[in-house]
């Protein structure tokens, strides 16, 4: 099509504007193609980083302090058990320094589009958010009412890895086996790296198990994909609203 054409002569679909395509190509520097849920999640994490730098200074990129992390919604099991329930969501959009967010967003940009393309944006978003909750819940249940700072999207990312592994395993066939092995390697390397750098493998494991269970569920439902899609869309909407509510609650509580 010509750059100024708005309607495809072959199928009649309205084409996006040149400006919109330019933005999508720019995002494509990290996301190979445009995928709504992956792009929004990536943007929210970067937006949260921007808010941190705006309010607490550029030094937080290299030496983040506990005051900033707790103020911006890090998961502290003790505070959570005292009623600050928003932390089990907000912690997943906050990172401890430049390298932390760089590694996690690179992982999201690589794994996210693959899975979102396979199962659709609604299911993908549900897996991400439920794994985020699963990782946070594992920390709270295992550690109990201790005072510590937990932050980052790793629980959700390990959930995507667990999801991709079990979904591909039960899907079967050569392609399924290859994808299962790919995600299995990601899991092994991820847990090993977490052990070496003393990362929060409890959160990682909680997210991984949650994602693995959802991978089995989503693969088994494939014969009824179309009928069940509205349910997943409703759950995804609830996840989105809970995320907005969590940040709103955090802001209101700190007034």
Protein backbone atom coordinates (compact mmCIF):
# COMPACT_ATOMS: atom_id res chain seq x y z
CA UNK A 1 0.00 0.00 0.00
CA UNK A 2 1.04 3.58 -0.54
CA UNK A 3 1.97 5.41 2.66
CA UNK A 4 -1.00 7.76 2.28
CA UNK A 5 -3.62 5.07 1.59
CA UNK A 6 -5.96 4.40 4.50
CA UNK A 7 -8.01 1.45 3.14
CA UNK A 8 -6.56 -1.77 1.74
CA UNK A 9 -7.88 -2.25 -1.80
CA UNK A 10 -7.80 -6.06 -1.45
CA UNK A 11 -9.46 -6.69 1.92
CA UNK A 12 -11.00 -3.34 2.87
CA UNK A 13 -9.29 -3.16 6.26
CA UNK A 14 -8.41 0.30 7.57
CA UNK A 15 -4.65 0.67 7.73
CA UNK A 16 -2.91 2.25 10.75
CA UNK A 17 -1.41 5.67 10.23
CA UNK A 18 2.21 6.12 9.24
CA UNK A 19 2.92 7.74 12.60
CA UNK A 20 1.45 4.78 14.48
CA UNK A 21 3.52 2.33 12.47
CA UNK A 22 6.62 4.39 13.19
CA UNK A 23 5.99 4.15 16.92
CA UNK A 24 5.44 0.41 16.65
CA UNK A 25 8.69 0.00 14.71
CA UNK A 26 10.49 1.99 17.39
CA UNK A 27 9.10 -0.33 20.05
CA UNK A 28 10.16 -3.14 17.79
CA UNK A 29 13.75 -2.39 18.74
CA UNK A 30 12.88 -4.45 21.82
CA UNK A 31 9.72 -6.26 20.74
CA UNK A 32 10.20 -7.95 17.32
CA UNK A 33 6.57 -7.26 16.42
CA UNK A 34 3.79 -5.35 18.13
CA UNK A 35 2.02 -7.36 20.82
CA UNK A 36 -0.40 -5.35 22.98
CA UNK A 37 -0.03 -7.03 26.37
CA UNK A 38 3.75 -7.44 26.19
CA UNK A 39 4.14 -3.85 25.05
CA UNK A 40 1.89 -2.46 27.79
CA UNK A 41 3.68 -4.45 30.51
CA UNK A 42 7.05 -3.31 29.24
CA UNK A 43 5.85 0.30 29.12
CA UNK A 44 4.43 0.14 32.67
CA UNK A 45 7.72 -1.11 34.08
CA UNK A 46 9.64 1.66 32.31
CA UNK A 47 7.05 4.24 33.37
CA UNK A 48 7.44 3.19 37.00
CA UNK A 49 11.21 3.57 36.64
CA UNK A 50 10.66 7.08 35.28
CA UNK A 51 8.52 7.98 38.30
CA UNK A 52 11.22 6.67 40.63
CA UNK A 53 13.91 8.76 38.96
CA UNK A 54 11.67 11.84 38.89
CA UNK A 55 10.86 11.72 42.59
CA UNK A 56 14.00 10.17 44.09
CA UNK A 57 16.80 11.14 41.69
CA UNK A 58 19.09 9.45 39.17
CA UNK A 59 21.18 7.89 41.92
CA UNK A 60 18.40 5.29 42.33
CA UNK A 61 19.57 3.71 39.07
CA UNK A 62 22.78 2.57 40.72
CA UNK A 63 22.20 2.75 44.48
CA UNK A 64 18.49 2.21 45.16
CA UNK A 65 17.67 2.55 48.84
CA UNK A 66 15.10 0.75 50.94
CA UNK A 67 13.14 3.94 51.66
CA UNK A 68 12.48 4.46 47.94
CA UNK A 69 11.67 0.80 47.38
CA UNK A 70 9.17 0.58 50.22
CA UNK A 71 7.60 3.91 49.28
CA UNK A 72 7.18 2.81 45.66
CA UNK A 73 5.50 -0.48 46.55
CA UNK A 74 8.13 -3.16 47.15
CA UNK A 75 6.80 -6.31 48.81
CA UNK A 76 7.65 -6.40 52.50
CA UNK A 77 6.03 -9.55 53.96
CA UNK A 78 5.62 -7.94 57.37
CA UNK A 79 3.91 -4.83 55.99
CA UNK A 80 1.74 -6.98 53.72
CA UNK A 81 0.52 -9.03 56.66
CA UNK A 82 -0.22 -5.78 58.49
CA UNK A 83 -2.72 -4.81 55.81
CA UNK A 84 -0.68 -3.22 53.00
CA UNK A 85 -2.10 -5.67 50.50
CA UNK A 86 -1.34 -3.56 47.44
CA UNK A 87 2.30 -4.60 47.69
CA UNK A 88 1.64 -8.06 46.26
CA UNK A 89 0.98 -6.37 42.89
CA UNK A 90 3.03 -3.18 42.94
CA UNK A 91 6.28 -5.00 43.75
CA UNK A 92 6.25 -6.57 40.30
CA UNK A 93 6.57 -3.23 38.50
CA UNK A 94 9.46 -1.94 40.63
CA UNK A 95 13.12 -2.85 40.14
CA UNK A 96 16.27 -2.59 42.22
CA UNK A 97 18.56 -0.64 39.95
CA UNK A 98 19.48 -0.44 36.28
CA UNK A 99 20.82 -3.95 35.75
CA UNK A 100 17.77 -5.49 37.43
CA UNK A 101 15.25 -3.82 35.13
CA UNK A 102 17.51 -4.25 32.09
CA UNK A 103 17.73 -8.03 32.48
CA UNK A 104 14.05 -8.43 33.29
CA UNK A 105 12.82 -6.27 30.41
CA UNK A 106 15.13 -8.05 27.98
CA UNK A 107 13.62 -11.34 29.12
CA UNK A 108 10.09 -9.97 28.77
CA UNK A 109 10.82 -8.64 25.29
CA UNK A 110 12.08 -12.06 24.18
CA UNK A 111 9.64 -14.45 25.90
CA UNK A 112 6.50 -12.30 25.95
CA UNK A 113 5.79 -11.94 22.21
CA UNK A 114 6.37 -15.67 21.61
CA UNK A 115 3.76 -16.72 24.15
CA UNK A 116 1.33 -13.90 23.44
CA UNK A 117 1.31 -14.84 19.77
CA UNK A 118 0.55 -18.47 20.67
CA UNK A 119 -2.24 -18.03 23.21
CA UNK A 120 -3.55 -14.48 22.69
CA UNK A 121 -3.24 -11.28 24.67
CA UNK A 122 -5.93 -12.04 27.29
CA UNK A 123 -4.52 -15.41 28.31
CA UNK A 124 -0.98 -14.06 28.25
CA UNK A 125 -1.85 -11.15 30.53
CA UNK A 126 -3.65 -13.48 32.94
CA UNK A 127 -0.62 -15.79 33.11
CA UNK A 128 1.71 -12.85 33.75
CA UNK A 129 -0.37 -11.27 36.50
CA UNK A 130 -1.37 -14.52 38.22
CA UNK A 131 2.28 -15.63 38.22
CA UNK A 132 3.21 -12.27 39.71
CA UNK A 133 0.70 -12.93 42.49
CA UNK A 134 1.92 -16.50 42.87
CA UNK A 135 5.51 -15.39 43.30
CA UNK A 136 4.60 -12.79 45.90
CA UNK A 137 2.33 -15.19 47.76
CA UNK A 138 5.13 -17.78 47.92
CA UNK A 139 7.43 -15.24 49.58
CA UNK A 140 4.80 -14.25 52.13
CA UNK A 141 3.86 -17.85 52.96
CA UNK A 142 7.41 -19.20 53.18
CA UNK A 143 9.10 -16.26 54.90
CA UNK A 144 6.28 -15.24 57.21
CA UNK A 145 6.15 -11.82 58.92
CA UNK A 146 9.75 -10.79 58.29
CA UNK A 147 10.90 -7.29 57.36
CA UNK A 148 12.62 -7.37 53.96
CA UNK A 149 12.40 -5.76 50.52
CA UNK A 150 11.24 -7.77 47.48
CA UNK A 151 10.86 -6.18 44.07
CA UNK A 152 10.97 -7.00 40.38
CA UNK A 153 9.10 -8.78 37.60
CA UNK A 154 11.07 -12.02 38.00
CA UNK A 155 8.19 -13.95 39.56
CA UNK A 156 5.97 -13.14 36.59
CA UNK A 157 8.78 -13.91 34.11
CA UNK A 158 9.44 -17.29 35.69
CA UNK A 159 5.69 -17.84 35.41
CA UNK A 160 5.94 -17.25 31.66
CA UNK A 161 8.80 -19.73 31.49
CA UNK A 162 6.85 -22.36 33.42
CA UNK A 163 3.79 -21.69 31.28
CA UNK A 164 5.73 -22.00 28.03
CA UNK A 165 7.32 -25.26 29.18
CA UNK A 166 4.14 -27.11 30.18
CA UNK A 167 2.03 -25.66 27.37
CA UNK A 168 4.54 -26.88 24.80
CA UNK A 169 5.01 -30.24 26.54
CA UNK A 170 1.32 -31.11 26.45
CA UNK A 171 0.92 -29.62 22.98
CA UNK A 172 3.37 -32.27 21.81
CA UNK A 173 5.03 -32.89 18.47
CA UNK A 174 8.55 -31.90 17.40
CA UNK A 175 7.80 -28.18 17.66
CA UNK A 176 6.29 -28.61 21.12
CA UNK A 177 9.27 -30.63 22.32
CA UNK A 178 11.71 -28.05 21.00
CA UNK A 179 9.84 -25.20 22.73
CA UNK A 180 9.56 -27.21 25.96
CA UNK A 181 13.32 -27.80 25.97
CA UNK A 182 13.96 -24.13 25.23
CA UNK A 183 11.92 -22.99 28.23
CA UNK A 184 13.34 -25.76 30.41
CA UNK A 185 16.83 -24.42 29.70
CA UNK A 186 15.65 -20.90 30.56
CA UNK A 187 14.29 -22.23 33.87
CA UNK A 188 17.48 -24.10 34.79
CA UNK A 189 19.72 -21.18 33.91
CA UNK A 190 17.41 -18.77 35.71
CA UNK A 191 17.31 -20.73 38.96
CA UNK A 192 21.08 -21.33 38.83
CA UNK A 193 21.75 -17.64 38.21
CA UNK A 194 19.39 -16.75 41.03
CA UNK A 195 21.29 -19.07 43.37
CA UNK A 196 24.67 -17.59 42.38
CA UNK A 197 23.60 -13.95 42.84
CA UNK A 198 21.39 -14.78 45.85
CA UNK A 199 18.23 -13.63 44.11
CA UNK A 200 14.77 -14.45 45.43
CA UNK A 201 14.33 -17.99 44.16
CA UNK A 202 11.33 -18.47 46.45
CA UNK A 203 9.46 -15.86 44.43
CA UNK A 204 10.82 -17.36 41.21
CA UNK A 205 9.59 -20.81 42.17
CA UNK A 206 6.16 -19.54 43.18
CA UNK A 207 5.73 -17.80 39.84
CA UNK A 208 7.12 -20.78 37.93
CA UNK A 209 4.70 -23.25 39.54
CA UNK A 210 1.75 -20.91 38.95
CA UNK A 211 2.68 -20.49 35.30
CA UNK A 212 3.25 -24.23 34.83
CA UNK A 213 -0.24 -25.02 36.15
CA UNK A 214 -1.78 -22.40 33.85
CA UNK A 215 0.18 -23.83 30.92
CA UNK A 216 -1.47 -27.20 31.42
CA UNK A 217 -4.92 -25.59 31.76
CA UNK A 218 -4.60 -23.44 28.64
CA UNK A 219 -3.28 -26.32 26.52
CA UNK A 220 -6.06 -28.70 27.62
CA UNK A 221 -8.73 -26.13 26.76
CA UNK A 222 -7.60 -25.69 23.15
CA UNK A 223 -10.61 -27.54 21.69
CA UNK A 224 -12.83 -24.92 23.38
CA UNK A 225 -10.57 -21.94 22.75
CA UNK A 226 -13.22 -19.68 21.19
CA UNK A 227 -15.92 -20.36 23.80
CA UNK A 228 -13.56 -19.77 26.74
CA UNK A 229 -11.86 -16.66 25.37
CA UNK A 230 -14.51 -14.28 26.83
CA UNK A 231 -13.82 -15.72 30.29
CA UNK A 232 -10.10 -15.09 29.92
CA UNK A 233 -10.84 -11.59 28.67
CA UNK A 234 -12.94 -10.95 31.78
CA UNK A 235 -10.17 -12.24 34.05
CA UNK A 236 -7.61 -10.11 32.20
CA UNK A 237 -9.83 -7.06 32.72
CA UNK A 238 -10.05 -7.83 36.44
CA UNK A 239 -6.25 -8.17 36.58
CA UNK A 240 -5.90 -4.78 34.91
CA UNK A 241 -8.36 -3.14 37.29
CA UNK A 242 -6.65 -4.71 40.32
CA UNK A 243 -3.32 -3.32 39.13
CA UNK A 244 -4.75 0.18 38.82
CA UNK A 245 -6.48 -0.19 42.21
CA UNK A 246 -3.25 -1.39 43.86
CA UNK A 247 -1.31 1.67 42.73
CA UNK A 248 -4.20 3.93 43.67
CA UNK A 249 -4.39 2.35 47.12
CA UNK A 250 -0.64 2.78 47.56
CA UNK A 251 -0.80 6.48 46.67
CA UNK A 252 -3.83 7.07 48.89
CA UNK A 253 -2.26 5.26 51.87
CA UNK A 254 0.90 7.37 51.69
CA UNK A 255 -0.86 10.73 51.57
